[in-house]
C-alpha cells in the first residue's frame, strides 16, 4: 500500500536514458519474475538484464559521465556498476530506507555525489567509498515520515524531494513537493504533488495524484516558485 503514491500518480522512478547509449534502461520483470534493471536497445526486441547475477534493482541513475549506473536493491543496498563490464559494487547502508516498502529514489548529481532517501532524511553518498552525510533532516513537528525521489538542483546546493507525512502515508493526496536546502538542512514544501523534476526551461514538472502534469516556474537561486502553474 505504501507504493500507492507512485502507482496512483502513473509515474515510474525506474526509467533512465543515458548519453551515447542507443536504448532505454528501466525497471521491470526479469529473471525468475524478479524486478530487475533492464536494457532495451532500440534495434532489438528483447530487453537484457543490466547484470546477470539476478539481483533485484530499482531507481536507476547514471553518473554525470554516463559510464556508470547506480541502483538500489532490497532491503537497503546501493549498487554501483560500470557499464564497461564487471560486477556491481555494493554499498550496504543501514541508514537507507527500505526499498521493498518505498522504492526510495536515487539521483547521481552533477557534483558526482549520490543522493538517496535515508531513515533520518536526505543522504549524500560518495559512490567511491560509500561515505555519507545527512544533508536535510525530516521535520518531526511537521509530521514528515520520509523523503522520496530526490533530484539535485543546478548549483548543487539544494534538491527536490517528495515529502510523505506520517498521517495517511499511502494517500497520494497528502504528499507534497519540497526543496531540501543543504545550507539550512531543512526542507520547505512548495506545492502539493507526488513527484517532481526540474526542467532546463526553469520549471518544476510536478505529477499530481490524478496523473496530470503541471509546469511551475522555479527560481534555483531563491529556491522558490516564481510564476503561475500551467497544466501540461
Protein backbone atom coordinates (compact mmCIF):
# COMPACT_ATOMS: atom_id res chain seq x y z
CA UNK A 1 0.00 0.00 0.00
CA UNK A 2 2.90 2.40 0.56
CA UNK A 3 3.75 2.25 -3.15
CA UNK A 4 0.34 3.67 -3.95
CA UNK A 5 1.97 7.11 -4.05
CA UNK A 6 3.90 6.06 -7.14
CA UNK A 7 1.19 3.96 -8.72
CA UNK A 8 -1.69 6.44 -8.29
CA UNK A 9 0.41 9.14 -9.97
CA UNK A 10 1.06 6.98 -13.06
CA UNK A 11 4.79 7.56 -12.79
CA UNK A 12 7.74 5.23 -12.53
CA UNK A 13 11.03 6.32 -10.95
CA UNK A 14 12.91 3.47 -12.66
CA UNK A 15 13.32 4.78 -16.22
CA UNK A 16 16.57 6.33 -17.44
CA UNK A 17 18.12 7.19 -20.80
CA UNK A 18 21.90 7.60 -20.59
CA UNK A 19 24.04 9.56 -23.05
CA UNK A 20 25.51 7.75 -26.05
CA UNK A 21 23.51 4.55 -25.49
CA UNK A 22 21.02 3.56 -28.19
CA UNK A 23 18.40 2.24 -25.83
CA UNK A 24 16.40 2.65 -22.66
CA UNK A 25 17.18 1.42 -19.16
CA UNK A 26 14.20 0.65 -16.99
CA UNK A 27 12.99 -1.37 -14.02
CA UNK A 28 10.85 -4.35 -15.00
CA UNK A 29 10.23 -8.06 -14.69
CA UNK A 30 13.43 -10.02 -15.25
CA UNK A 31 14.82 -13.43 -14.34
CA UNK A 32 12.58 -15.62 -12.15
CA UNK A 33 9.92 -12.88 -12.18
CA UNK A 34 12.18 -10.63 -10.09
CA UNK A 35 12.22 -6.88 -10.54
CA UNK A 36 15.48 -6.05 -12.32
CA UNK A 37 17.24 -3.26 -14.16
CA UNK A 38 16.87 -3.96 -17.88
CA UNK A 39 18.31 -2.52 -21.10
CA UNK A 40 16.06 -2.38 -24.16
CA UNK A 41 18.21 -1.44 -27.14
CA UNK A 42 16.32 0.24 -29.96
CA UNK A 43 17.47 -2.29 -32.56
CA UNK A 44 16.46 -5.36 -30.50
CA UNK A 45 13.09 -6.75 -29.47
CA UNK A 46 14.20 -8.41 -26.23
CA UNK A 47 15.37 -6.48 -23.16
CA UNK A 48 18.50 -7.71 -21.38
CA UNK A 49 19.29 -7.59 -17.64
CA UNK A 50 21.80 -4.94 -16.69
CA UNK A 51 23.76 -7.62 -14.84
CA UNK A 52 23.47 -11.39 -14.89
CA UNK A 53 23.56 -12.13 -11.16
CA UNK A 54 19.77 -11.94 -10.79
CA UNK A 55 19.75 -9.10 -8.25
CA UNK A 56 16.61 -7.05 -7.91
CA UNK A 57 17.04 -3.44 -8.94
CA UNK A 58 15.15 -0.17 -8.56
CA UNK A 59 15.69 3.57 -9.07
CA UNK A 60 18.30 3.67 -11.83
CA UNK A 61 20.54 6.70 -12.12
CA UNK A 62 23.65 7.42 -14.20
CA UNK A 63 26.92 9.10 -13.39
CA UNK A 64 27.49 12.53 -14.97
CA UNK A 65 29.89 10.91 -17.46
CA UNK A 66 27.30 8.27 -18.36
CA UNK A 67 29.70 5.34 -17.99
CA UNK A 68 28.44 4.05 -14.62
CA UNK A 69 25.00 3.26 -13.26
CA UNK A 70 23.79 3.16 -9.66
CA UNK A 71 20.67 1.41 -8.44
CA UNK A 72 19.01 0.15 -5.27
CA UNK A 73 18.38 -3.45 -4.21
CA UNK A 74 16.32 -4.78 -1.29
CA UNK A 75 16.39 -4.23 1.50
CA UNK A 76 18.82 -1.28 1.74
CA UNK A 77 21.68 -1.88 -0.68
CA UNK A 78 23.13 0.70 -3.01
CA UNK A 79 24.94 -0.73 -6.06
CA UNK A 80 27.39 0.96 -8.43
CA UNK A 81 28.07 -0.80 -11.76
CA UNK A 82 30.42 0.27 -14.61
CA UNK A 83 28.72 -0.09 -17.99
CA UNK A 84 32.02 -1.27 -19.45
CA UNK A 85 31.55 -4.57 -17.60
CA UNK A 86 32.23 -6.22 -14.28
CA UNK A 87 30.26 -6.89 -11.14
CA UNK A 88 28.33 -4.24 -9.22
CA UNK A 89 30.00 -2.75 -6.16
CA UNK A 90 27.59 -2.98 -3.24
CA UNK A 91 27.48 -0.15 -0.72
CA UNK A 92 25.34 -1.66 2.06
CA UNK A 93 23.87 1.04 4.22
CA UNK A 94 21.58 0.50 7.19
CA UNK A 95 20.66 4.21 7.09
CA UNK A 96 18.85 3.89 3.75
CA UNK A 97 15.09 3.43 3.67
CA UNK A 98 13.68 0.04 2.78
CA UNK A 99 13.48 -0.36 -1.00
CA UNK A 100 10.90 -3.10 -0.51
CA UNK A 101 8.49 -0.69 1.20
CA UNK A 102 9.12 2.55 -0.69
CA UNK A 103 11.34 2.07 -3.82
CA UNK A 104 13.22 5.01 -2.32
CA UNK A 105 14.62 7.01 -5.16
CA UNK A 106 18.18 7.81 -6.14
CA UNK A 107 19.94 10.59 -8.04
CA UNK A 108 23.53 10.91 -9.24
CA UNK A 109 24.11 14.63 -9.15
CA UNK A 110 26.27 16.78 -11.38
CA UNK A 111 28.56 17.18 -8.36
CA UNK A 112 29.47 13.48 -8.63
CA UNK A 113 27.62 12.51 -5.45
CA UNK A 114 24.66 10.18 -4.98
CA UNK A 115 21.51 11.39 -3.22
CA UNK A 116 19.23 8.83 -1.57
CA UNK A 117 16.27 8.52 0.77
CA UNK A 118 17.52 7.86 4.30
CA UNK A 119 15.82 6.98 7.56
CA UNK A 120 16.51 10.43 9.02
CA UNK A 121 16.17 12.45 5.82
CA UNK A 122 18.11 13.03 2.60
CA UNK A 123 21.56 11.44 2.34
CA UNK A 124 24.55 12.44 0.22
CA UNK A 125 26.70 9.37 -0.54
CA UNK A 126 30.14 9.19 -2.13
CA UNK A 127 29.95 6.48 -4.84
CA UNK A 128 33.67 5.72 -4.48
CA UNK A 129 33.74 4.67 -0.85
CA UNK A 130 30.19 4.89 0.50
CA UNK A 131 30.85 7.70 2.97
CA UNK A 132 27.65 9.63 3.65
CA UNK A 133 26.28 12.81 5.13
CA UNK A 134 22.77 13.83 6.15
CA UNK A 135 22.05 16.99 4.12
CA UNK A 136 18.36 17.52 5.03
CA UNK A 137 16.58 16.19 8.09
CA UNK A 138 12.96 15.06 8.46
CA UNK A 139 10.77 17.60 10.27
CA UNK A 140 9.06 15.70 13.08
CA UNK A 141 6.96 18.72 14.04
CA UNK A 142 5.51 18.84 10.52
CA UNK A 143 4.90 15.10 10.63
CA UNK A 144 7.43 14.04 7.99
CA UNK A 145 7.83 10.30 7.53
CA UNK A 146 10.14 10.03 4.53
CA UNK A 147 11.68 11.98 1.63
CA UNK A 148 11.34 10.19 -1.72
CA UNK A 149 12.79 10.56 -5.24
CA UNK A 150 15.46 13.22 -4.80
CA UNK A 151 16.84 15.26 -7.68
CA UNK A 152 19.80 17.61 -7.26
CA UNK A 153 19.12 21.14 -8.47
CA UNK A 154 21.59 23.23 -10.52
CA UNK A 155 24.29 24.67 -8.29
CA UNK A 156 24.38 21.53 -6.09
CA UNK A 157 23.10 23.45 -3.05
CA UNK A 158 19.59 22.02 -2.92
CA UNK A 159 17.45 19.13 -4.14
CA UNK A 160 13.84 18.35 -4.93
CA UNK A 161 12.17 15.67 -2.80
CA UNK A 162 8.70 14.25 -2.29
CA UNK A 163 7.61 14.70 1.32
CA UNK A 164 5.46 11.89 2.72
CA UNK A 165 3.68 12.51 6.02
CA UNK A 166 3.16 10.06 8.87
CA UNK A 167 -0.58 10.65 8.73
CA UNK A 168 -2.05 8.54 5.89
CA UNK A 169 1.33 7.89 4.20
CA UNK A 170 -0.22 5.82 1.39
CA UNK A 171 -2.59 8.62 0.38
CA UNK A 172 -1.13 10.50 -2.64
CA UNK A 173 -3.32 13.49 -1.86
CA UNK A 174 -1.24 14.14 1.27
CA UNK A 175 2.14 14.02 -0.47
CA UNK A 176 3.91 17.26 -1.35
CA UNK A 177 6.96 18.56 -3.16
CA UNK A 178 9.71 20.04 -1.03
CA UNK A 179 13.04 21.76 -1.61
CA UNK A 180 15.91 20.49 0.54
CA UNK A 181 18.27 23.39 1.29
CA UNK A 182 21.71 21.97 2.13
CA UNK A 183 22.72 25.23 3.79
CA UNK A 184 20.00 25.03 6.43
CA UNK A 185 19.39 21.29 6.38
CA UNK A 186 15.66 21.92 6.14
CA UNK A 187 13.03 21.04 3.55
CA UNK A 188 10.46 23.68 2.59
CA UNK A 189 7.24 22.46 0.99
CA UNK A 190 6.46 24.44 -2.17
CA UNK A 191 3.49 22.65 -3.78
CA UNK A 192 1.19 19.66 -3.40
CA UNK A 193 2.16 16.72 -5.61
CA UNK A 194 3.57 13.21 -5.67
CA UNK A 195 6.76 13.68 -7.67
CA UNK A 196 8.65 16.48 -9.37
CA UNK A 197 11.68 17.02 -11.57
CA UNK A 198 13.48 20.20 -12.61
CA UNK A 199 13.43 21.02 -16.32
CA UNK A 200 16.13 23.08 -18.11
CA UNK A 201 13.39 25.58 -19.04
CA UNK A 202 13.39 26.70 -15.40
CA UNK A 203 10.27 24.82 -14.34
CA UNK A 204 9.31 22.22 -11.81
CA UNK A 205 7.39 19.48 -13.63
CA UNK A 206 5.02 18.17 -10.98
CA UNK A 207 2.93 15.00 -11.14
CA UNK A 208 -0.41 15.30 -9.35
CA UNK A 209 -2.24 12.34 -7.76
CA UNK A 210 -4.60 12.13 -10.76
CA UNK A 211 -1.65 11.67 -13.13
CA UNK A 212 -1.81 15.19 -14.60
CA UNK A 213 1.48 17.07 -15.03
CA UNK A 214 1.92 20.74 -14.18
CA UNK A 215 4.77 23.10 -15.04
CA UNK A 216 5.62 25.67 -12.37
CA UNK A 217 8.28 28.38 -12.90
CA UNK A 218 11.04 27.93 -10.33
CA UNK A 219 14.00 30.11 -9.32
CA UNK A 220 17.03 27.98 -8.42
CA UNK A 221 18.68 30.93 -6.65
CA UNK A 222 15.86 31.77 -4.25
CA UNK A 223 14.64 28.14 -4.23
CA UNK A 224 11.07 29.33 -4.65
CA UNK A 225 8.36 29.10 -7.28
CA UNK A 226 8.36 32.24 -9.41
CA UNK A 227 5.25 32.22 -11.57
CA UNK A 228 1.88 30.76 -12.42
CA UNK A 229 1.49 26.99 -12.74
CA UNK A 230 0.23 25.60 -16.06
CA UNK A 231 -1.28 22.22 -16.80
CA UNK A 232 0.60 20.26 -19.47
